[in-house]
Amino acid sequence: MNDFISPREAAKQLHISLNATYAAVWAGRLRAEKRDGKWLISVEAVEEHLQRRRSRDKAKNAPSESRDFIGSEPAQNNRRIRRGKNAGAQPRMRNTLNRTQT
């Protein structure tokens, strides 16, 4: 049976914004049709979209051995992570050329 709902109702069921719903329709990720100048989204398409999103979220949250180490050796993972306003800045090097040693 082909039941249809409005994009606003689909957005509520999918827990996304109305603009994201239209973007999914235009990208072909959400099946819809235009009747009398209004978009109507199939209830089945909403359910399929929810299923795909749930399976993607399960795969994303599953533990993975590839996430254990950044490099090939554990010693490479001890790099300090810089945060804050100078996160992208390079560390300063001392200018030892202009100093006279006593």
Protein backbone atom coordinates (compact mmCIF):
# COMPACT_ATOMS: atom_id res chain seq x y z
CA MET A 1 0.00 0.00 0.00
CA ASN A 2 1.34 3.41 -0.95
CA ASP A 3 0.78 5.77 1.96
CA PHE A 4 2.35 9.19 1.68
CA ILE A 5 3.22 11.85 4.21
CA SER A 6 4.34 15.46 3.93
CA PRO A 7 8.03 16.39 4.08
CA ARG A 8 7.40 18.10 7.43
CA GLU A 9 6.00 14.89 8.94
CA ALA A 10 8.87 12.87 7.42
CA ALA A 11 11.35 15.29 8.98
CA LYS A 12 9.74 14.77 12.39
CA GLN A 13 9.89 10.98 12.04
CA LEU A 14 13.50 11.05 10.84
CA HIS A 15 14.55 13.60 13.50
CA ILE A 16 16.13 15.86 10.89
CA SER A 17 15.37 19.35 9.67
CA LEU A 18 12.95 20.10 6.86
CA ASN A 19 15.84 21.32 4.69
CA ALA A 20 17.72 18.05 5.29
CA THR A 21 14.59 16.16 4.25
CA TYR A 22 14.36 18.05 0.97
CA ALA A 23 18.10 17.54 0.43
CA ALA A 24 17.64 13.77 0.89
CA VAL A 25 14.77 13.82 -1.63
CA TRP A 26 16.78 15.78 -4.21
CA ALA A 27 19.83 13.55 -3.69
CA GLY A 28 17.73 10.44 -4.21
CA ARG A 29 18.27 9.07 -0.69
CA LEU A 30 14.57 9.47 0.13
CA ARG A 31 11.94 8.38 -2.41
CA ALA A 32 9.23 10.97 -3.01
CA GLU A 33 6.92 12.23 -5.72
CA LYS A 34 5.36 15.53 -6.53
CA ARG A 35 1.56 15.68 -6.72
CA ASP A 36 -0.34 18.89 -7.42
CA GLY A 37 2.82 20.90 -6.82
CA LYS A 38 3.51 19.37 -3.39
CA TRP A 39 6.12 16.80 -2.43
CA LEU A 40 4.81 13.59 -0.87
CA ILE A 41 7.15 11.08 0.71
CA SER A 42 6.35 7.40 0.88
CA VAL A 43 6.03 5.95 4.39
CA GLU A 44 8.01 2.93 3.15
CA ALA A 45 10.82 5.25 2.03
CA VAL A 46 10.97 6.80 5.50
CA GLU A 47 11.21 3.35 7.08
CA GLU A 48 13.94 2.29 4.63
CA HIS A 49 15.86 5.49 5.35
CA LEU A 50 15.63 4.83 9.10
CA GLN A 51 16.84 1.24 8.62
CA ARG A 52 19.85 2.38 6.56
CA ARG A 53 20.71 5.00 9.17
CA ARG A 54 20.41 2.52 12.04
CA SER A 55 22.64 -0.03 10.31
CA ARG A 56 25.19 2.69 9.47
CA ASP A 57 25.20 3.87 13.11
CA LYS A 58 25.70 0.30 14.35
CA ALA A 59 28.65 -0.16 12.00
CA LYS A 60 30.15 3.18 13.07
CA ASN A 61 29.88 2.36 16.78
CA ALA A 62 31.19 -1.20 16.47
CA PRO A 63 34.64 -1.78 18.01
CA SER A 64 37.37 -1.98 15.43
CA GLU A 65 40.95 -3.13 15.70
CA SER A 66 42.02 -0.55 13.13
CA ARG A 67 41.14 2.26 15.58
CA ASP A 68 43.46 0.91 18.29
CA PHE A 69 46.70 2.33 16.90
CA ILE A 70 47.32 5.36 14.73
CA GLY A 71 50.72 4.17 13.60
CA SER A 72 52.35 0.80 13.29
CA GLU A 73 54.00 0.96 16.72
CA PRO A 74 52.43 1.99 20.04
CA ALA A 75 55.19 4.57 20.61
CA GLN A 76 53.80 6.67 17.76
CA ASN A 77 50.54 7.11 19.65
CA ASN A 78 52.16 9.08 22.46
CA ARG A 79 52.09 12.31 20.48
CA ARG A 80 50.70 15.26 22.39
CA ILE A 81 47.40 16.52 21.06
CA ARG A 82 47.37 20.31 20.97
CA ARG A 83 44.10 22.04 21.73
CA GLY A 84 43.11 25.64 22.12
CA LYS A 85 43.67 28.80 20.12
CA ASN A 86 47.23 27.81 19.12
CA ALA A 87 46.30 24.27 18.07
CA GLY A 88 47.60 24.69 14.52
CA ALA A 89 50.69 26.67 15.42
CA GLN A 90 54.12 25.17 15.03
CA PRO A 91 56.30 24.94 18.16
CA ARG A 92 58.72 27.84 18.53
CA MET A 93 62.39 27.19 18.06
CA ARG A 94 64.95 28.99 20.14
CA ASN A 95 67.02 31.49 18.29
CA THR A 96 70.52 30.49 19.36
CA LEU A 97 72.35 32.27 16.54
CA ASN A 98 72.08 35.79 18.02
CA ARG A 99 73.04 34.85 21.55
CA THR A 100 76.59 34.97 22.68
CA GLN A 101 77.71 32.21 24.89
CA THR A 102 79.61 33.16 28.01
